[in-house]
Amino acid sequence: MRHLRKGRRLGRSASHRKALFRNMASSLLLTERPDDVNESYYLYNDYLASDTPGTGHNTPKVKGRIVTTMHKAKELRPYVEKCITVAKNAIPHLREAEKFATKAKPNTPEYKEWRNSDQWQQWNAAMAPALAARRRVVAMLGNQRAVEILFDEVAPRFVDRDGGYTRILKLAKPRLGDAGLQAILEFVGNDRDRVKTEAERPAFDSDEESTATPAAEEASADETAAPEGDAADAQAEETNDAEEKKEG
């Protein structure tokens, strides 16, 4: 019995599980890359020493989504959300540092003057927590390109959201080979979250005729009922007058 054991082992050692989560979390973040950039540019750019983006032939079909097994998705979800929380907490420090930053280029007189001023000290103090958060996420993901996407695109998206940055959707079709239970792990709050509205049913000629016919029948019935009612009242008055004369 696996009492006092947190998490699933997933048939792997501790180091293998750690590498698995780092790679899968990086893959989820890399799906948010631009369409014209190849995935190999993000994965192997540090080793190839190339600054030229790829042709984009390996563009993800749906951004912000990966397909994996249900058990891996449940273990990966808190790992990814922890990275997002660390990056999101660094955003206020980055905004504070922008107040003391300079637009001067390095090795220019303006930059050297800013570097030796008290404004640089304030900028350095504001950037220290943000730099620590970035280094922490780099240690968790191990992919510099994924960290850039996390801080530049994903984290600002969830500034006003307290947790729950991802969701798991169960797939009905099992995985081929071992019939494993599959699931989708994706970010929430994307363009696919649309409110469904029902369109108004168009009115055809047959519907207009059917609605107009009962109304016309009711109007004609009211018109015929009115004269009949008046004739009945007149006849009743005549009978009353005749009875009064007989009594008199």
C-alpha atoms as a PDB file:
ATOM      1  CA  MET A   1       0.000   0.000   0.000  1.00  0.00           C
ATOM      2  CA  ARG A   2       1.366   3.386  -1.040  1.00  0.00           C
ATOM      3  CA  HIS A   3       0.492   5.361   2.062  1.00  0.00           C
ATOM      4  CA  LEU A   4       2.178   8.730   2.608  1.00  0.00           C
ATOM      5  CA  ARG A   5       3.239   8.781  -1.047  1.00  0.00           C
ATOM      6  CA  LYS A   6       2.438  11.989  -2.868  1.00  0.00           C
ATOM      7  CA  GLY A   7       1.761  11.826  -6.577  1.00  0.00           C
ATOM      8  CA  ARG A   8       1.894   9.024  -9.108  1.00  0.00           C
ATOM      9  CA  ARG A   9       5.060   7.158  -9.957  1.00  0.00           C
ATOM     10  CA  LEU A  10       4.048   6.668 -13.611  1.00  0.00           C
ATOM     11  CA  GLY A  11       6.404   3.697 -13.872  1.00  0.00           C
ATOM     12  CA  ARG A  12       9.465   5.969 -13.720  1.00  0.00           C
ATOM     13  CA  SER A  13      12.203   6.917 -11.324  1.00  0.00           C
ATOM     14  CA  ALA A  14      12.291  10.322  -9.639  1.00  0.00           C
ATOM     15  CA  SER A  15      14.788  11.782 -12.090  1.00  0.00           C
ATOM     16  CA  HIS A  16      12.862  10.385 -15.054  1.00  0.00           C
ATOM     17  CA  ARG A  17       9.598  11.892 -13.783  1.00  0.00           C
ATOM     18  CA  LYS A  18      11.276  15.261 -13.314  1.00  0.00           C
ATOM     19  CA  ALA A  19      12.612  15.200 -16.865  1.00  0.00           C
ATOM     20  CA  LEU A  20       9.190  14.121 -18.134  1.00  0.00           C
ATOM     21  CA  PHE A  21       7.419  17.057 -16.472  1.00  0.00           C
ATOM     22  CA  ARG A  22      10.020  19.543 -17.687  1.00  0.00           C
ATOM     23  CA  ASN A  23       9.729  18.374 -21.281  1.00  0.00           C
ATOM     24  CA  MET A  24       5.933  18.214 -21.296  1.00  0.00           C
ATOM     25  CA  ALA A  25       5.574  21.629 -19.651  1.00  0.00           C
ATOM     26  CA  SER A  26       7.980  23.117 -22.197  1.00  0.00           C
ATOM     27  CA  SER A  27       6.045  21.471 -25.022  1.00  0.00           C
ATOM     28  CA  LEU A  28       2.796  22.987 -23.757  1.00  0.00           C
ATOM     29  CA  LEU A  29       4.324  26.466 -23.627  1.00  0.00           C
ATOM     30  CA  LEU A  30       5.998  26.107 -27.016  1.00  0.00           C
ATOM     31  CA  THR A  31       2.611  25.576 -28.642  1.00  0.00           C
ATOM     32  CA  GLU A  32       2.036  29.307 -28.022  1.00  0.00           C
ATOM     33  CA  ARG A  33       4.933  30.234 -30.302  1.00  0.00           C
ATOM     34  CA  PRO A  34       4.327  32.269 -33.489  1.00  0.00           C
ATOM     35  CA  ASP A  35       3.122  30.361 -36.522  1.00  0.00           C
ATOM     36  CA  ASP A  36       6.114  31.335 -38.652  1.00  0.00           C
ATOM     37  CA  VAL A  37       8.686  29.899 -36.225  1.00  0.00           C
ATOM     38  CA  ASN A  38       9.715  26.256 -36.293  1.00  0.00           C
ATOM     39  CA  GLU A  39       9.713  24.188 -33.120  1.00  0.00           C
ATOM     40  CA  SER A  40      13.307  23.056 -33.705  1.00  0.00           C
ATOM     41  CA  TYR A  41      14.405  26.694 -33.442  1.00  0.00           C
ATOM     42  CA  TYR A  42      13.188  26.740 -29.842  1.00  0.00           C
ATOM     43  CA  LEU A  43      14.359  23.258 -28.908  1.00  0.00           C
ATOM     44  CA  TYR A  44      17.794  23.117 -30.492  1.00  0.00           C
ATOM     45  CA  ASN A  45      18.794  26.723 -31.110  1.00  0.00           C
ATOM     46  CA  ASP A  46      21.208  26.716 -28.161  1.00  0.00           C
ATOM     47  CA  TYR A  47      23.064  23.730 -29.592  1.00  0.00           C
ATOM     48  CA  LEU A  48      23.030  24.754 -33.244  1.00  0.00           C
ATOM     49  CA  ALA A  49      24.040  28.365 -32.469  1.00  0.00           C
ATOM     50  CA  SER A  50      21.626  29.645 -35.090  1.00  0.00           C
ATOM     51  CA  ASP A  51      19.625  32.848 -34.786  1.00  0.00           C
ATOM     52  CA  THR A  52      17.485  32.227 -37.855  1.00  0.00           C
ATOM     53  CA  PRO A  53      13.939  31.000 -37.146  1.00  0.00           C
ATOM     54  CA  GLY A  54      12.679  27.970 -38.982  1.00  0.00           C
ATOM     55  CA  THR A  55      10.091  27.799 -41.704  1.00  0.00           C
ATOM     56  CA  GLY A  56       7.201  26.957 -39.396  1.00  0.00           C
ATOM     57  CA  HIS A  57       6.476  23.547 -40.934  1.00  0.00           C
ATOM     58  CA  ASN A  58       5.855  22.012 -37.504  1.00  0.00           C
ATOM     59  CA  THR A  59       3.175  24.475 -36.416  1.00  0.00           C
ATOM     60  CA  PRO A  60       0.827  23.119 -33.717  1.00  0.00           C
ATOM     61  CA  LYS A  61      -2.701  22.393 -34.841  1.00  0.00           C
ATOM     62  CA  VAL A  62      -4.211  24.028 -31.753  1.00  0.00           C
ATOM     63  CA  LYS A  63      -2.269  26.501 -29.631  1.00  0.00           C
ATOM     64  CA  GLY A  64      -2.054  26.060 -25.884  1.00  0.00           C
ATOM     65  CA  ARG A  65      -2.948  22.368 -25.942  1.00  0.00           C
ATOM     66  CA  ILE A  66      -1.226  18.992 -25.729  1.00  0.00           C
ATOM     67  CA  VAL A  67      -2.644  15.464 -25.764  1.00  0.00           C
ATOM     68  CA  THR A  68      -1.354  12.945 -23.236  1.00  0.00           C
ATOM     69  CA  THR A  69      -2.650  10.294 -20.860  1.00  0.00           C
ATOM     70  CA  MET A  70      -5.063  11.172 -18.093  1.00  0.00           C
ATOM     71  CA  HIS A  71      -2.616  10.248 -15.317  1.00  0.00           C
ATOM     72  CA  LYS A  72       0.207  12.315 -16.792  1.00  0.00           C
ATOM     73  CA  ALA A  73      -2.115  15.271 -17.306  1.00  0.00           C
ATOM     74  CA  LYS A  74      -3.218  15.204 -13.662  1.00  0.00           C
ATOM     75  CA  GLU A  75       0.395  15.200 -12.494  1.00  0.00           C
ATOM     76  CA  LEU A  76       1.543  17.812 -15.001  1.00  0.00           C
ATOM     77  CA  ARG A  77      -1.209  20.312 -14.306  1.00  0.00           C
ATOM     78  CA  PRO A  78       0.046  21.533 -10.874  1.00  0.00           C
ATOM     79  CA  TYR A  79       3.595  21.630 -12.243  1.00  0.00           C
ATOM     80  CA  VAL A  80       2.599  23.973 -15.076  1.00  0.00           C
ATOM     81  CA  GLU A  81       0.410  26.138 -12.868  1.00  0.00           C
ATOM     82  CA  LYS A  82       3.249  26.567 -10.393  1.00  0.00           C
ATOM     83  CA  CYS A  83       5.453  27.908 -13.188  1.00  0.00           C
ATOM     84  CA  ILE A  84       2.712  30.323 -14.232  1.00  0.00           C
ATOM     85  CA  THR A  85       2.245  31.529 -10.652  1.00  0.00           C
ATOM     86  CA  VAL A  86       5.956  32.228 -10.236  1.00  0.00           C
ATOM     87  CA  ALA A  87       6.041  34.154 -13.514  1.00  0.00           C
ATOM     88  CA  LYS A  88       2.839  36.041 -12.692  1.00  0.00           C
ATOM     89  CA  ASN A  89       4.191  37.188  -9.319  1.00  0.00           C
ATOM     90  CA  ALA A  90       7.164  38.753 -11.112  1.00  0.00           C
ATOM     91  CA  ILE A  91       5.004  41.038 -13.282  1.00  0.00           C
ATOM     92  CA  PRO A  92       4.540  43.808 -10.640  1.00  0.00           C
ATOM     93  CA  HIS A  93       8.311  43.938 -10.107  1.00  0.00           C
ATOM     94  CA  LEU A  94       8.896  44.227 -13.856  1.00  0.00           C
ATOM     95  CA  ARG A  95       6.425  47.102 -14.103  1.00  0.00           C
ATOM     96  CA  GLU A  96       8.106  48.828 -11.189  1.00  0.00           C
ATOM     97  CA  ALA A  97      11.509  48.414 -12.827  1.00  0.00           C
ATOM     98  CA  GLU A  98      10.244  50.022 -16.039  1.00  0.00           C
ATOM     99  CA  LYS A  99       9.847  53.310 -14.169  1.00  0.00           C
ATOM    100  CA  PHE A 100      13.610  53.511 -13.580  1.00  0.00           C
ATOM    101  CA  ALA A 101      14.815  51.958 -16.844  1.00  0.00           C
ATOM    102  CA  THR A 102      16.578  53.860 -19.609  1.00  0.00           C
ATOM    103  CA  LYS A 103      16.275  53.679 -23.379  1.00  0.00           C
ATOM    104  CA  ALA A 104      19.917  54.523 -23.958  1.00  0.00           C
ATOM    105  CA  LYS A 105      22.081  51.910 -25.636  1.00  0.00           C
ATOM    106  CA  PRO A 106      25.006  50.365 -23.746  1.00  0.00           C
ATOM    107  CA  ASN A 107      28.436  51.991 -23.995  1.00  0.00           C
ATOM    108  CA  THR A 108      26.911  55.385 -24.695  1.00  0.00           C
ATOM    109  CA  PRO A 109      27.431  58.468 -22.506  1.00  0.00           C
ATOM    110  CA  GLU A 110      23.732  58.496 -21.556  1.00  0.00           C
ATOM    111  CA  TYR A 111      23.880  54.862 -20.501  1.00  0.00           C
ATOM    112  CA  LYS A 112      27.051  55.371 -18.456  1.00  0.00           C
ATOM    113  CA  GLU A 113      25.470  58.333 -16.718  1.00  0.00           C
ATOM    114  CA  TRP A 114      22.380  56.273 -15.891  1.00  0.00           C
ATOM    115  CA  ARG A 115      24.587  53.383 -14.754  1.00  0.00           C
ATOM    116  CA  ASN A 116      26.327  55.577 -12.186  1.00  0.00           C
ATOM    117  CA  SER A 117      23.160  57.259 -10.911  1.00  0.00           C
ATOM    118  CA  ASP A 118      20.756  56.405  -8.110  1.00  0.00           C
ATOM    119  CA  GLN A 119      18.127  55.530 -10.701  1.00  0.00           C
ATOM    120  CA  TRP A 120      20.107  52.434 -11.633  1.00  0.00           C
ATOM    121  CA  GLN A 121      20.171  51.389  -7.983  1.00  0.00           C
ATOM    122  CA  GLN A 122      16.385  51.624  -7.849  1.00  0.00           C
ATOM    123  CA  TRP A 123      16.066  49.696 -11.114  1.00  0.00           C
ATOM    124  CA  ASN A 124      18.404  47.005  -9.825  1.00  0.00           C
ATOM    125  CA  ALA A 125      16.429  46.648  -6.583  1.00  0.00           C
ATOM    126  CA  ALA A 126      13.152  46.350  -8.502  1.00  0.00           C
ATOM    127  CA  MET A 127      14.563  43.803 -10.967  1.00  0.00           C
ATOM    128  CA  ALA A 128      16.062  41.509  -8.325  1.00  0.00           C
ATOM    129  CA  PRO A 129      12.802  39.631  -7.465  1.00  0.00           C
ATOM    130  CA  ALA A 130      11.864  39.339 -11.149  1.00  0.00           C
ATOM    131  CA  LEU A 131      15.291  37.960 -12.023  1.00  0.00           C
ATOM    132  CA  ALA A 132      15.061  35.444  -9.176  1.00  0.00           C
ATOM    133  CA  ALA A 133      11.646  34.300 -10.428  1.00  0.00           C
ATOM    134  CA  ARG A 134      12.979  33.920 -13.958  1.00  0.00           C
ATOM    135  CA  ARG A 135      15.914  31.824 -12.770  1.00  0.00           C
ATOM    136  CA  ARG A 136      13.546  29.659 -10.755  1.00  0.00           C
ATOM    137  CA  VAL A 137      11.362  28.979 -13.790  1.00  0.00           C
ATOM    138  CA  VAL A 138      14.435  28.225 -15.906  1.00  0.00           C
ATOM    139  CA  ALA A 139      15.398  25.570 -13.364  1.00  0.00           C
ATOM    140  CA  MET A 140      11.875  24.097 -13.541  1.00  0.00           C
ATOM    141  CA  LEU A 141      11.554  24.074 -17.338  1.00  0.00           C
ATOM    142  CA  GLY A 142      15.116  23.880 -18.610  1.00  0.00           C
ATOM    143  CA  ASN A 143      14.155  25.627 -21.864  1.00  0.00           C
ATOM    144  CA  GLN A 144      14.976  29.295 -22.332  1.00  0.00           C
ATOM    145  CA  ARG A 145      12.548  29.732 -25.231  1.00  0.00           C
ATOM    146  CA  ALA A 146       9.664  28.314 -23.196  1.00  0.00           C
ATOM    147  CA  VAL A 147      10.561  30.689 -20.356  1.00  0.00           C
ATOM    148  CA  GLU A 148      10.414  33.645 -22.748  1.00  0.00           C
ATOM    149  CA  ILE A 149       6.955  32.632 -23.948  1.00  0.00           C
ATOM    150  CA  LEU A 150       5.817  32.122 -20.354  1.00  0.00           C
ATOM    151  CA  PHE A 151       6.893  35.590 -19.186  1.00  0.00           C
ATOM    152  CA  ASP A 152       5.967  37.482 -22.365  1.00  0.00           C
ATOM    153  CA  GLU A 153       2.650  35.895 -23.389  1.00  0.00           C
ATOM    154  CA  VAL A 154       1.190  33.355 -20.962  1.00  0.00           C
ATOM    155  CA  ALA A 155       1.729  34.981 -17.549  1.00  0.00           C
ATOM    156  CA  PRO A 156       0.277  38.418 -18.483  1.00  0.00           C
ATOM    157  CA  ARG A 157      -2.845  36.622 -19.690  1.00  0.00           C
ATOM    158  CA  PHE A 158      -3.630  35.377 -16.164  1.00  0.00           C
ATOM    159  CA  VAL A 159      -2.830  38.497 -14.130  1.00  0.00           C
ATOM    160  CA  ASP A 160      -6.432  38.839 -12.927  1.00  0.00           C
ATOM    161  CA  ARG A 161      -6.977  35.105 -12.413  1.00  0.00           C
ATOM    162  CA  ASP A 162      -6.251  33.423  -9.075  1.00  0.00           C
ATOM    163  CA  GLY A 163      -5.264  29.890 -10.023  1.00  0.00           C
ATOM    164  CA  GLY A 164      -6.913  27.448 -12.362  1.00  0.00           C
ATOM    165  CA  TYR A 165      -4.855  28.371 -15.413  1.00  0.00           C
ATOM    166  CA  THR A 166      -5.264  24.993 -17.128  1.00  0.00           C
ATOM    167  CA  ARG A 167      -7.965  22.378 -17.543  1.00  0.00           C
ATOM    168  CA  ILE A 168      -8.140  18.693 -18.397  1.00  0.00           C
ATOM    169  CA  LEU A 169     -10.585  17.370 -20.979  1.00  0.00           C
ATOM    170  CA  LYS A 170     -11.132  13.634 -21.136  1.00  0.00           C
ATOM    171  CA  LEU A 171     -11.059  12.057 -24.590  1.00  0.00           C
ATOM    172  CA  ALA A 172     -13.454   9.260 -25.440  1.00  0.00           C
ATOM    173  CA  LYS A 173     -11.086   7.540 -27.871  1.00  0.00           C
ATOM    174  CA  PRO A 174      -8.359   5.488 -26.131  1.00  0.00           C
ATOM    175  CA  ARG A 175      -4.766   5.457 -27.250  1.00  0.00           C
ATOM    176  CA  LEU A 176      -3.841   2.954 -29.928  1.00  0.00           C
ATOM    177  CA  GLY A 177      -1.583   0.144 -28.818  1.00  0.00           C
ATOM    178  CA  ASP A 178      -2.305  -0.046 -25.095  1.00  0.00           C
ATOM    179  CA  ALA A 179      -5.830   1.480 -24.947  1.00  0.00           C
ATOM    180  CA  GLY A 180      -4.606   4.081 -22.470  1.00  0.00           C
ATOM    181  CA  LEU A 181      -7.043   6.743 -21.316  1.00  0.00           C
ATOM    182  CA  GLN A 182      -6.223   9.968 -23.172  1.00  0.00           C
ATOM    183  CA  ALA A 183      -6.858  13.565 -22.138  1.00  0.00           C
ATOM    184  CA  ILE A 184      -6.226  17.123 -23.312  1.00  0.00           C
ATOM    185  CA  LEU A 185      -4.307  19.590 -21.156  1.00  0.00           C
ATOM    186  CA  GLU A 186      -4.812  23.186 -22.288  1.00  0.00           C
ATOM    187  CA  PHE A 187      -4.796  26.769 -21.058  1.00  0.00           C
ATOM    188  CA  VAL A 188      -8.093  28.397 -20.150  1.00  0.00           C
ATOM    189  CA  GLY A 189      -9.325  31.757 -21.314  1.00  0.00           C
ATOM    190  CA  ASN A 190      -8.374  31.364 -24.966  1.00  0.00           C
ATOM    191  CA  ASP A 191     -10.245  32.362 -28.106  1.00  0.00           C
ATOM    192  CA  ARG A 192     -12.049  29.024 -28.162  1.00  0.00           C
ATOM    193  CA  ASP A 193     -14.090  29.981 -25.083  1.00  0.00           C
ATOM    194  CA  ARG A 194     -17.073  31.464 -26.852  1.00  0.00           C
ATOM    195  CA  VAL A 195     -20.611  31.927 -25.608  1.00  0.00           C
ATOM    196  CA  LYS A 196     -23.064  29.962 -27.710  1.00  0.00           C
ATOM    197  CA  THR A 197     -26.111  31.915 -28.821  1.00  0.00           C
ATOM    198  CA  GLU A 198     -29.104  30.489 -30.628  1.00  0.00           C
ATOM    199  CA  ALA A 199     -30.047  32.220 -33.856  1.00  0.00           C
ATOM    200  CA  GLU A 200     -33.616  33.349 -34.393  1.00  0.00           C
ATOM    201  CA  ARG A 201     -35.728  30.979 -36.404  1.00  0.00           C
ATOM    202  CA  PRO A 202     -36.407  32.494 -39.838  1.00  0.00           C
ATOM    203  CA  ALA A 203     -40.049  33.085 -40.742  1.00  0.00           C
ATOM    204  CA  PHE A 204     -41.178  31.468 -43.999  1.00  0.00           C
ATOM    205  CA  ASP A 205     -44.273  32.229 -46.120  1.00  0.00           C
ATOM    206  CA  SER A 206     -46.122  29.156 -44.878  1.00  0.00           C
ATOM    207  CA  ASP A 207     -45.594  30.241 -41.266  1.00  0.00           C
ATOM    208  CA  GLU A 208     -46.902  33.743 -41.988  1.00  0.00           C
ATOM    209  CA  GLU A 209     -50.022  32.359 -43.664  1.00  0.00           C
ATOM    210  CA  SER A 210     -50.662  29.936 -40.817  1.00  0.00           C
ATOM    211  CA  THR A 211     -50.340  32.710 -38.238  1.00  0.00           C
ATOM    212  CA  ALA A 212     -52.502  35.111 -40.255  1.00  0.00           C
ATOM    213  CA  THR A 213     -55.358  32.616 -40.839  1.00  0.00           C
ATOM    214  CA  PRO A 214     -56.347  32.080 -37.160  1.00  0.00           C
ATOM    215  CA  ALA A 215     -56.286  35.831 -36.562  1.00  0.00           C
ATOM    216  CA  ALA A 216     -58.585  36.454 -39.534  1.00  0.00           C
ATOM    217  CA  GLU A 217     -60.964  33.730 -38.388  1.00  0.00           C
ATOM    218  CA  GLU A 218     -61.167  35.228 -34.902  1.00  0.00           C
ATOM    219  CA  ALA A 219     -61.899  38.673 -36.320  1.00  0.00           C
ATOM    220  CA  SER A 220     -64.685  37.354 -38.565  1.00  0.00           C
ATOM    221  CA  ALA A 221     -66.147  35.346 -35.684  1.00  0.00           C
ATOM    222  CA  ASP A 222     -66.282  38.475 -33.536  1.00  0.00           C
ATOM    223  CA  GLU A 223     -68.000  40.427 -36.315  1.00  0.00           C
ATOM    224  CA  THR A 224     -70.683  37.737 -36.793  1.00  0.00           C
ATOM    225  CA  ALA A 225     -71.180  37.331 -33.087  1.00  0.00           C
ATOM    226  CA  ALA A 226     -71.901  41.028 -32.585  1.00  0.00           C
ATOM    227  CA  PRO A 227     -75.037  41.241 -34.865  1.00  0.00           C
ATOM    228  CA  GLU A 228     -76.414  38.021 -33.427  1.00  0.00           C
ATOM    229  CA  GLY A 229     -76.067  39.403 -29.946  1.00  0.00           C
ATOM    230  CA  ASP A 230     -77.863  42.644 -30.897  1.00  0.00           C
ATOM    231  CA  ALA A 231     -80.775  40.744 -32.515  1.00  0.00           C
ATOM    232  CA  ALA A 232     -81.185  38.584 -29.433  1.00  0.00           C
ATOM    233  CA  ASP A 233     -81.319  41.661 -27.193  1.00  0.00           C
ATOM    234  CA  ALA A 234     -83.964  43.309 -29.412  1.00  0.00           C
ATOM    235  CA  GLN A 235     -86.112  40.174 -29.410  1.00  0.00           C
ATOM    236  CA  ALA A 236     -85.891  39.928 -25.630  1.00  0.00           C
ATOM    237  CA  GLU A 237     -87.074  43.538 -25.270  1.00  0.00           C
ATOM    238  CA  GLU A 238     -90.081  42.894 -27.560  1.00  0.00           C
ATOM    239  CA  THR A 239     -91.177  39.871 -25.520  1.00  0.00           C
ATOM    240  CA  ASN A 240     -90.920  41.893 -22.323  1.00  0.00           C
ATOM    241  CA  ASP A 241     -93.074  44.688 -23.766  1.00  0.00           C
ATOM    242  CA  ALA A 242     -95.726  42.194 -24.929  1.00  0.00           C
ATOM    243  CA  GLU A 243     -95.923  40.619 -21.469  1.00  0.00           C
ATOM    244  CA  GLU A 244     -96.347  44.028 -19.816  1.00  0.00           C
ATOM    245  CA  LYS A 245     -99.261  44.906 -22.158  1.00  0.00           C
ATOM    246  CA  LYS A 246    -101.064  41.666 -21.358  1.00  0.00           C
ATOM    247  CA  GLU A 247    -100.735  42.255 -17.647  1.00  0.00           C
ATOM    248  CA  GLY A 248    -102.006  45.836 -18.084  1.00  0.00           C
END
